[in-house]
Amino acid sequence: MKETATKTVIVAIGAGFAAYFEVLLVPIIIAVVVMLCDYLSGMAAAWTRSELSSRVGIVGIVKKVVYFLVIAVGVVVDWVVQAAADRVGIDAGNFCYFALLVTLWLIINECISILENVEEIGAPVPAFLMSVIKKLKSSTEAKGDEVSK
């Protein structure tokens, strides 16, 4: 009985989150996955260098948690823009531009970090892959700059 209630609460919270964040759900899940991969690959790289440190590991975890504060700021900016548009009679729909842009930028940063960690471990990384990811990062930054002008 207790297990069923727990599962029901977890599913309800997940469904509420999915309904509220519609567009952001998949990118946020991807962000969590790449953050975990970056953390683990960073730990492996530190281990191969014999520089494994619990302090550095904890700082890494704190940094990953703070990333979600940055995404939250994007959500707030989206909400403010949507509320302002509604106030002047413009239907902005489900406006989710800034939070999505921030989330994608963080995902790309994490992917670059993963590739750097993999290189540090000694595994080969195709140069074109690093090049493509860096171009994605610069185009994401350029899109953000366009909006902020």
C-alpha atoms as a PDB file:
ATOM      1  CA  MET A   1       0.000   0.000   0.000  1.00  0.00           C
ATOM      2  CA  LYS A   2       2.756   2.436   0.998  1.00  0.00           C
ATOM      3  CA  GLU A   3       4.759   1.568  -2.124  1.00  0.00           C
ATOM      4  CA  THR A   4       1.758   2.240  -4.386  1.00  0.00           C
ATOM      5  CA  ALA A   5       1.158   5.620  -2.739  1.00  0.00           C
ATOM      6  CA  THR A   6       4.811   6.568  -3.223  1.00  0.00           C
ATOM      7  CA  LYS A   7       4.697   5.570  -6.888  1.00  0.00           C
ATOM      8  CA  THR A   8       1.477   7.527  -7.360  1.00  0.00           C
ATOM      9  CA  VAL A   9       2.998  10.678  -5.839  1.00  0.00           C
ATOM     10  CA  ILE A  10       6.140  10.354  -7.981  1.00  0.00           C
ATOM     11  CA  VAL A  11       4.082   9.865 -11.156  1.00  0.00           C
ATOM     12  CA  ALA A  12       1.827  12.809 -10.257  1.00  0.00           C
ATOM     13  CA  ILE A  13       4.814  15.082  -9.686  1.00  0.00           C
ATOM     14  CA  GLY A  14       6.400  13.910 -12.942  1.00  0.00           C
ATOM     15  CA  ALA A  15       3.166  14.471 -14.870  1.00  0.00           C
ATOM     16  CA  GLY A  16       2.754  17.942 -13.359  1.00  0.00           C
ATOM     17  CA  PHE A  17       6.330  18.811 -14.268  1.00  0.00           C
ATOM     18  CA  ALA A  18       5.818  17.522 -17.829  1.00  0.00           C
ATOM     19  CA  ALA A  19       2.571  19.465 -18.245  1.00  0.00           C
ATOM     20  CA  TYR A  20       4.076  22.689 -16.911  1.00  0.00           C
ATOM     21  CA  PHE A  21       7.374  22.540 -18.777  1.00  0.00           C
ATOM     22  CA  GLU A  22       6.130  20.886 -22.009  1.00  0.00           C
ATOM     23  CA  VAL A  23       8.899  22.142 -24.312  1.00  0.00           C
ATOM     24  CA  LEU A  24      11.620  22.092 -21.652  1.00  0.00           C
ATOM     25  CA  LEU A  25      11.118  18.563 -20.364  1.00  0.00           C
ATOM     26  CA  VAL A  26      13.246  16.698 -22.910  1.00  0.00           C
ATOM     27  CA  PRO A  27      16.102  19.265 -22.910  1.00  0.00           C
ATOM     28  CA  ILE A  28      16.181  19.238 -19.094  1.00  0.00           C
ATOM     29  CA  ILE A  29      16.342  15.429 -19.053  1.00  0.00           C
ATOM     30  CA  ILE A  30      19.149  15.558 -21.626  1.00  0.00           C
ATOM     31  CA  ALA A  31      20.912  18.204 -19.503  1.00  0.00           C
ATOM     32  CA  VAL A  32      20.751  15.926 -16.452  1.00  0.00           C
ATOM     33  CA  VAL A  33      22.155  12.996 -18.465  1.00  0.00           C
ATOM     34  CA  VAL A  34      25.042  14.993 -19.977  1.00  0.00           C
ATOM     35  CA  MET A  35      25.825  16.534 -16.575  1.00  0.00           C
ATOM     36  CA  LEU A  36      26.093  13.051 -15.091  1.00  0.00           C
ATOM     37  CA  CYS A  37      28.286  11.931 -18.003  1.00  0.00           C
ATOM     38  CA  ASP A  38      30.486  15.011 -17.614  1.00  0.00           C
ATOM     39  CA  TYR A  39      30.845  14.452 -13.887  1.00  0.00           C
ATOM     40  CA  LEU A  40      31.733  10.780 -14.335  1.00  0.00           C
ATOM     41  CA  SER A  41      34.136  11.447 -17.212  1.00  0.00           C
ATOM     42  CA  GLY A  42      35.742  14.236 -15.165  1.00  0.00           C
ATOM     43  CA  MET A  43      36.199  11.854 -12.267  1.00  0.00           C
ATOM     44  CA  ALA A  44      37.738   9.269 -14.608  1.00  0.00           C
ATOM     45  CA  ALA A  45      40.094  11.895 -16.078  1.00  0.00           C
ATOM     46  CA  ALA A  46      41.146  13.007 -12.585  1.00  0.00           C
ATOM     47  CA  TRP A  47      41.684   9.385 -11.613  1.00  0.00           C
ATOM     48  CA  THR A  48      43.948   8.759 -14.620  1.00  0.00           C
ATOM     49  CA  ARG A  49      45.997  11.830 -13.629  1.00  0.00           C
ATOM     50  CA  SER A  50      46.061  10.627  -9.992  1.00  0.00           C
ATOM     51  CA  GLU A  51      44.392  13.895  -8.957  1.00  0.00           C
ATOM     52  CA  LEU A  52      41.102  12.553  -7.620  1.00  0.00           C
ATOM     53  CA  SER A  53      39.855  14.934  -4.907  1.00  0.00           C
ATOM     54  CA  SER A  54      36.622  14.862  -2.938  1.00  0.00           C
ATOM     55  CA  ARG A  55      36.694  18.667  -2.638  1.00  0.00           C
ATOM     56  CA  VAL A  56      36.912  19.102  -6.409  1.00  0.00           C
ATOM     57  CA  GLY A  57      34.166  16.488  -6.809  1.00  0.00           C
ATOM     58  CA  ILE A  58      31.852  18.336  -4.418  1.00  0.00           C
ATOM     59  CA  VAL A  59      32.549  21.638  -6.197  1.00  0.00           C
ATOM     60  CA  GLY A  60      31.604  19.882  -9.451  1.00  0.00           C
ATOM     61  CA  ILE A  61      28.297  18.714  -7.973  1.00  0.00           C
ATOM     62  CA  VAL A  62      27.523  22.202  -6.642  1.00  0.00           C
ATOM     63  CA  LYS A  63      28.307  23.649 -10.063  1.00  0.00           C
ATOM     64  CA  LYS A  64      25.891  21.231 -11.742  1.00  0.00           C
ATOM     65  CA  VAL A  65      23.140  22.117  -9.252  1.00  0.00           C
ATOM     66  CA  VAL A  66      23.717  25.833  -9.828  1.00  0.00           C
ATOM     67  CA  TYR A  67      23.228  25.258 -13.575  1.00  0.00           C
ATOM     68  CA  PHE A  68      19.584  24.595 -12.784  1.00  0.00           C
ATOM     69  CA  LEU A  69      19.380  28.018 -11.117  1.00  0.00           C
ATOM     70  CA  VAL A  70      20.525  29.508 -14.415  1.00  0.00           C
ATOM     71  CA  ILE A  71      17.794  27.556 -16.214  1.00  0.00           C
ATOM     72  CA  ALA A  72      15.324  28.806 -13.594  1.00  0.00           C
ATOM     73  CA  VAL A  73      16.338  32.389 -14.395  1.00  0.00           C
ATOM     74  CA  GLY A  74      15.588  31.639 -18.058  1.00  0.00           C
ATOM     75  CA  VAL A  75      12.159  30.309 -17.038  1.00  0.00           C
ATOM     76  CA  VAL A  76      11.493  33.491 -15.055  1.00  0.00           C
ATOM     77  CA  VAL A  77      12.529  35.691 -18.000  1.00  0.00           C
ATOM     78  CA  ASP A  78      10.205  33.680 -20.266  1.00  0.00           C
ATOM     79  CA  TRP A  79       7.378  34.134 -17.764  1.00  0.00           C
ATOM     80  CA  VAL A  80       7.996  37.897 -17.537  1.00  0.00           C
ATOM     81  CA  VAL A  81       7.994  38.245 -21.338  1.00  0.00           C
ATOM     82  CA  GLN A  82       4.834  36.155 -21.612  1.00  0.00           C
ATOM     83  CA  ALA A  83       3.094  38.104 -18.827  1.00  0.00           C
ATOM     84  CA  ALA A  84       4.062  41.426 -20.428  1.00  0.00           C
ATOM     85  CA  ALA A  85       2.807  40.243 -23.824  1.00  0.00           C
ATOM     86  CA  ASP A  86      -0.476  39.093 -22.281  1.00  0.00           C
ATOM     87  CA  ARG A  87      -0.818  42.440 -20.511  1.00  0.00           C
ATOM     88  CA  VAL A  88      -0.662  44.357 -23.807  1.00  0.00           C
ATOM     89  CA  GLY A  89      -2.983  41.896 -25.542  1.00  0.00           C
ATOM     90  CA  ILE A  90      -0.431  39.834 -27.463  1.00  0.00           C
ATOM     91  CA  ASP A  91      -0.922  36.086 -27.339  1.00  0.00           C
ATOM     92  CA  ALA A  92       2.602  34.731 -26.840  1.00  0.00           C
ATOM     93  CA  GLY A  93       1.337  31.167 -26.547  1.00  0.00           C
ATOM     94  CA  ASN A  94       3.626  28.889 -24.599  1.00  0.00           C
ATOM     95  CA  PHE A  95       6.678  31.173 -24.765  1.00  0.00           C
ATOM     96  CA  CYS A  96       9.754  29.230 -23.686  1.00  0.00           C
ATOM     97  CA  TYR A  97      12.587  30.806 -25.631  1.00  0.00           C
ATOM     98  CA  PHE A  98      15.126  31.931 -23.030  1.00  0.00           C
ATOM     99  CA  ALA A  99      14.954  28.860 -20.795  1.00  0.00           C
ATOM    100  CA  LEU A 100      15.326  26.625 -23.842  1.00  0.00           C
ATOM    101  CA  LEU A 101      18.270  28.647 -25.142  1.00  0.00           C
ATOM    102  CA  VAL A 102      19.997  28.517 -21.741  1.00  0.00           C
ATOM    103  CA  THR A 103      19.369  24.767 -21.424  1.00  0.00           C
ATOM    104  CA  LEU A 104      20.737  24.070 -24.909  1.00  0.00           C
ATOM    105  CA  TRP A 105      23.796  26.220 -24.210  1.00  0.00           C
ATOM    106  CA  LEU A 106      24.486  24.280 -21.002  1.00  0.00           C
ATOM    107  CA  ILE A 107      24.039  20.948 -22.814  1.00  0.00           C
ATOM    108  CA  ILE A 108      26.547  22.004 -25.477  1.00  0.00           C
ATOM    109  CA  ASN A 109      29.028  23.173 -22.806  1.00  0.00           C
ATOM    110  CA  GLU A 110      28.710  19.836 -21.039  1.00  0.00           C
ATOM    111  CA  CYS A 111      29.279  17.958 -24.321  1.00  0.00           C
ATOM    112  CA  ILE A 112      32.478  19.950 -24.939  1.00  0.00           C
ATOM    113  CA  SER A 113      33.631  19.137 -21.414  1.00  0.00           C
ATOM    114  CA  ILE A 114      32.855  15.428 -21.900  1.00  0.00           C
ATOM    115  CA  LEU A 115      34.940  15.340 -25.090  1.00  0.00           C
ATOM    116  CA  GLU A 116      37.811  17.140 -23.346  1.00  0.00           C
ATOM    117  CA  ASN A 117      37.665  14.628 -20.476  1.00  0.00           C
ATOM    118  CA  VAL A 118      37.631  11.709 -22.912  1.00  0.00           C
ATOM    119  CA  GLU A 119      40.677  13.158 -24.697  1.00  0.00           C
ATOM    120  CA  GLU A 120      42.417  13.577 -21.344  1.00  0.00           C
ATOM    121  CA  ILE A 121      41.765   9.935 -20.514  1.00  0.00           C
ATOM    122  CA  GLY A 122      43.496   9.027 -23.769  1.00  0.00           C
ATOM    123  CA  ALA A 123      40.589   7.905 -25.925  1.00  0.00           C
ATOM    124  CA  PRO A 124      40.483   9.259 -29.470  1.00  0.00           C
ATOM    125  CA  VAL A 125      37.926  11.986 -30.201  1.00  0.00           C
ATOM    126  CA  PRO A 126      37.201  12.838 -33.831  1.00  0.00           C
ATOM    127  CA  ALA A 127      38.255  16.430 -34.532  1.00  0.00           C
ATOM    128  CA  PHE A 128      35.110  17.059 -36.567  1.00  0.00           C
ATOM    129  CA  LEU A 129      32.942  16.233 -33.547  1.00  0.00           C
ATOM    130  CA  MET A 130      34.644  18.830 -31.370  1.00  0.00           C
ATOM    131  CA  SER A 131      34.427  21.311 -34.248  1.00  0.00           C
ATOM    132  CA  VAL A 132      30.689  20.738 -34.751  1.00  0.00           C
ATOM    133  CA  ILE A 133      29.943  21.120 -31.044  1.00  0.00           C
ATOM    134  CA  LYS A 134      31.971  24.336 -30.805  1.00  0.00           C
ATOM    135  CA  LYS A 135      30.095  25.726 -33.839  1.00  0.00           C
ATOM    136  CA  LEU A 136      26.800  24.826 -32.157  1.00  0.00           C
ATOM    137  CA  LYS A 137      27.944  26.690 -29.058  1.00  0.00           C
ATOM    138  CA  SER A 138      28.878  29.818 -31.000  1.00  0.00           C
ATOM    139  CA  SER A 139      25.619  29.778 -32.991  1.00  0.00           C
ATOM    140  CA  THR A 140      23.628  29.380 -29.762  1.00  0.00           C
ATOM    141  CA  GLU A 141      25.505  32.318 -28.238  1.00  0.00           C
ATOM    142  CA  ALA A 142      24.921  34.373 -31.404  1.00  0.00           C
ATOM    143  CA  LYS A 143      21.176  33.626 -31.273  1.00  0.00           C
ATOM    144  CA  GLY A 144      21.107  34.763 -27.650  1.00  0.00           C
ATOM    145  CA  ASP A 145      23.008  37.926 -28.553  1.00  0.00           C
ATOM    146  CA  GLU A 146      20.490  38.667 -31.321  1.00  0.00           C
ATOM    147  CA  VAL A 147      17.625  38.536 -28.855  1.00  0.00           C
ATOM    148  CA  SER A 148      19.377  40.646 -26.224  1.00  0.00           C
ATOM    149  CA  LYS A 149      19.954  43.566 -28.637  1.00  0.00           C
END
